[in-house]
N, C-alpha and C. Protein backbone atom coordinates (compact mmCIF):
# COMPACT_ATOMS: atom_id res chain seq x y z
N UNK A 1 17.15 -13.79 -3.52
CA UNK A 1 17.77 -14.05 -1.91
C UNK A 1 18.60 -13.55 -0.69
N UNK A 2 17.84 -13.26 0.78
CA UNK A 2 19.05 -12.21 1.48
C UNK A 2 19.71 -13.42 2.32
N UNK A 3 20.37 -12.63 2.52
CA UNK A 3 21.35 -13.30 3.43
C UNK A 3 21.23 -12.55 4.95
N UNK A 4 20.81 -11.63 4.88
CA UNK A 4 19.84 -11.21 6.59
C UNK A 4 19.72 -12.23 7.52
N UNK A 5 19.72 -12.45 8.60
CA UNK A 5 18.93 -13.39 9.54
C UNK A 5 17.42 -13.76 9.81
N UNK A 6 17.49 -14.34 10.23
CA UNK A 6 15.44 -14.19 10.14
C UNK A 6 14.92 -13.64 11.74
N UNK A 7 14.02 -13.12 11.67
CA UNK A 7 13.87 -12.41 13.17
C UNK A 7 13.58 -14.15 14.24
N UNK A 8 13.95 -14.40 15.37
CA UNK A 8 13.38 -15.07 16.18
C UNK A 8 12.59 -15.65 16.72
N UNK A 9 10.44 -15.63 16.46
CA UNK A 9 9.44 -15.58 17.20
C UNK A 9 8.88 -16.26 18.13
N UNK A 10 8.59 -15.75 18.77
CA UNK A 10 7.76 -16.98 19.55
C UNK A 10 5.77 -15.91 20.08
N UNK A 11 5.49 -17.41 20.42
CA UNK A 11 4.23 -17.22 20.68
C UNK A 11 4.09 -17.05 22.12
N UNK A 12 3.23 -15.33 22.10
CA UNK A 12 3.12 -15.43 23.90
C UNK A 12 1.30 -15.82 24.15
N UNK A 13 0.29 -15.80 23.28
CA UNK A 13 -0.46 -16.93 23.76
C UNK A 13 -1.56 -16.93 22.36
N UNK A 14 -2.45 -17.32 22.37
CA UNK A 14 -2.99 -17.79 21.13
C UNK A 14 -4.72 -18.52 21.43
N UNK A 15 -6.51 -17.91 20.99
CA UNK A 15 -7.67 -18.46 21.23
C UNK A 15 -7.43 -19.14 19.65
N UNK A 16 -8.40 -19.82 19.41
CA UNK A 16 -8.75 -19.81 18.28
C UNK A 16 -9.19 -18.56 16.73
N UNK A 17 -9.08 -17.44 17.46
CA UNK A 17 -9.10 -16.66 16.53
C UNK A 17 -8.42 -15.59 16.67
N UNK A 18 -7.57 -15.41 17.58
CA UNK A 18 -6.37 -14.51 18.33
C UNK A 18 -5.30 -15.21 18.41
N UNK A 19 -4.01 -14.53 18.27
CA UNK A 19 -3.32 -14.92 18.51
C UNK A 19 -1.78 -13.67 19.11
N UNK A 20 -0.96 -13.32 19.83
CA UNK A 20 -0.46 -12.29 20.25
C UNK A 20 1.01 -13.31 19.68
N UNK A 21 2.34 -12.74 19.00
CA UNK A 21 3.29 -13.04 19.10
C UNK A 21 4.83 -12.04 19.41
N UNK A 22 5.64 -12.58 19.51
CA UNK A 22 6.90 -11.83 19.53
C UNK A 22 8.39 -11.75 18.73
N UNK A 23 8.32 -10.84 17.95
CA UNK A 23 9.53 -11.23 16.96
C UNK A 23 11.20 -10.64 17.42
N UNK A 24 12.29 -11.27 17.70
CA UNK A 24 13.45 -10.39 18.29
C UNK A 24 14.26 -10.73 17.02
N UNK A 25 14.00 -9.44 16.10
CA UNK A 25 15.33 -8.94 15.40
C UNK A 25 16.60 -8.48 15.17
N UNK A 26 16.93 -9.62 14.33
CA UNK A 26 18.84 -9.41 14.48
C UNK A 26 19.06 -8.21 14.56
N UNK A 27 18.76 -7.35 14.86
CA UNK A 27 19.45 -6.03 15.39
C UNK A 27 18.98 -5.91 16.60
N UNK A 28 18.22 -6.14 17.07
CA UNK A 28 18.10 -6.80 18.43
C UNK A 28 16.36 -5.63 19.31
N UNK A 29 16.06 -4.86 18.18
CA UNK A 29 14.55 -4.88 18.48
C UNK A 29 14.15 -6.01 18.68
N UNK A 30 13.35 -5.19 19.89
CA UNK A 30 11.86 -7.01 20.03
C UNK A 30 10.50 -6.16 19.41
N UNK A 31 9.49 -6.68 18.38
CA UNK A 31 8.23 -6.06 18.23
C UNK A 31 7.10 -7.65 18.19
N UNK A 32 6.22 -6.78 19.00
CA UNK A 32 5.10 -7.72 19.63
C UNK A 32 3.91 -7.36 18.93
N UNK A 33 3.23 -8.37 18.33
CA UNK A 33 2.40 -8.64 17.23
C UNK A 33 1.14 -9.55 17.54
N UNK A 34 -0.23 -8.52 17.22
CA UNK A 34 -1.56 -9.05 17.48
C UNK A 34 -1.84 -9.47 16.19
N UNK A 35 -2.31 -10.88 16.27
CA UNK A 35 -3.58 -11.07 14.81
C UNK A 35 -4.76 -11.24 15.42
N UNK A 36 -5.87 -9.92 14.91
CA UNK A 36 -6.97 -10.41 15.26
C UNK A 36 -7.95 -10.13 13.97
N UNK A 37 -8.26 -11.45 13.61
CA UNK A 37 -8.63 -11.91 12.65
C UNK A 37 -8.25 -11.39 11.05
N UNK A 38 -9.13 -10.32 10.26
CA UNK A 38 -7.91 -9.73 9.55
C UNK A 38 -7.70 -8.57 9.65
N UNK A 39 -7.80 -8.33 11.33
CA UNK A 39 -6.75 -6.78 11.15
C UNK A 39 -5.00 -7.79 11.81
N UNK A 40 -3.94 -6.72 11.71
CA UNK A 40 -2.32 -7.01 12.64
C UNK A 40 -1.89 -5.66 13.19
N UNK A 41 -2.10 -5.94 14.66
CA UNK A 41 -1.42 -4.29 15.12
C UNK A 41 -0.29 -4.70 15.52
N UNK A 42 0.85 -4.64 15.22
CA UNK A 42 2.72 -4.23 15.28
C UNK A 42 3.32 -3.03 16.43
N UNK A 43 3.93 -3.82 17.91
CA UNK A 43 4.05 -2.81 18.43
C UNK A 43 4.98 -3.09 19.08
N UNK A 44 6.00 -1.83 19.26
CA UNK A 44 7.32 -1.50 19.38
C UNK A 44 7.31 -1.62 21.05
N UNK A 45 8.93 -1.87 21.81
CA UNK A 45 8.76 -2.57 22.88
C UNK A 45 8.04 -2.16 23.96
N UNK A 46 7.87 -0.77 23.77
CA UNK A 46 7.26 0.42 24.77
C UNK A 46 6.11 0.87 24.60
N UNK A 47 5.33 0.83 23.38
CA UNK A 47 4.25 0.61 23.20
C UNK A 47 3.60 -1.13 23.75
N UNK A 48 4.30 -1.46 23.77
CA UNK A 48 3.43 -2.50 24.04
C UNK A 48 3.27 -2.61 25.17
N UNK A 49 3.67 -2.08 26.91
CA UNK A 49 4.11 -2.49 27.65
C UNK A 49 3.16 -0.72 27.94
N UNK A 50 2.53 -0.38 26.69
CA UNK A 50 1.58 0.59 27.24
C UNK A 50 0.20 0.08 26.71
N UNK A 51 0.25 -1.31 25.82
CA UNK A 51 -0.89 -1.23 25.57
C UNK A 51 -1.34 -2.68 27.16
N UNK A 52 -0.74 -2.95 27.34
CA UNK A 52 -0.34 -4.22 28.34
C UNK A 52 -1.19 -3.37 29.56
N UNK A 53 -0.57 -1.80 29.66
CA UNK A 53 -0.88 -1.57 31.20
C UNK A 53 -2.50 -0.99 30.75
N UNK A 54 -2.64 -0.28 29.32
CA UNK A 54 -4.53 -0.52 29.06
C UNK A 54 -5.48 -1.65 29.27
N UNK A 55 -5.29 -2.70 28.59
CA UNK A 55 -5.51 -4.10 28.96
C UNK A 55 -5.70 -3.94 30.48
N UNK A 56 -5.01 -3.94 31.16
CA UNK A 56 -5.14 -4.38 32.73
C UNK A 56 -5.86 -2.63 33.59
N UNK A 57 -6.55 -2.03 33.01
CA UNK A 57 -7.29 -1.27 33.16
C UNK A 57 -8.28 -1.16 33.29
N UNK A 58 -8.96 -2.25 31.55
CA UNK A 58 -10.15 -2.47 31.83
C UNK A 58 -10.96 -3.88 32.95
N UNK A 59 -10.33 -4.51 33.24
CA UNK A 59 -10.61 -5.36 35.11
C UNK A 59 -11.79 -4.30 35.46
């Protein structure tokens, strides 16, 4: 059993099949996660911002 604290997680958006959530790690790092069916994509904060820019450009 580990004594390290668990990350604090927050759901950002969710549909029937997909979920986006973030985790605040004990060391202060924030990571973002997209669960797309059987695929999960993990992002560091800078990558997440770039991904959001890409999604906005699709409109």
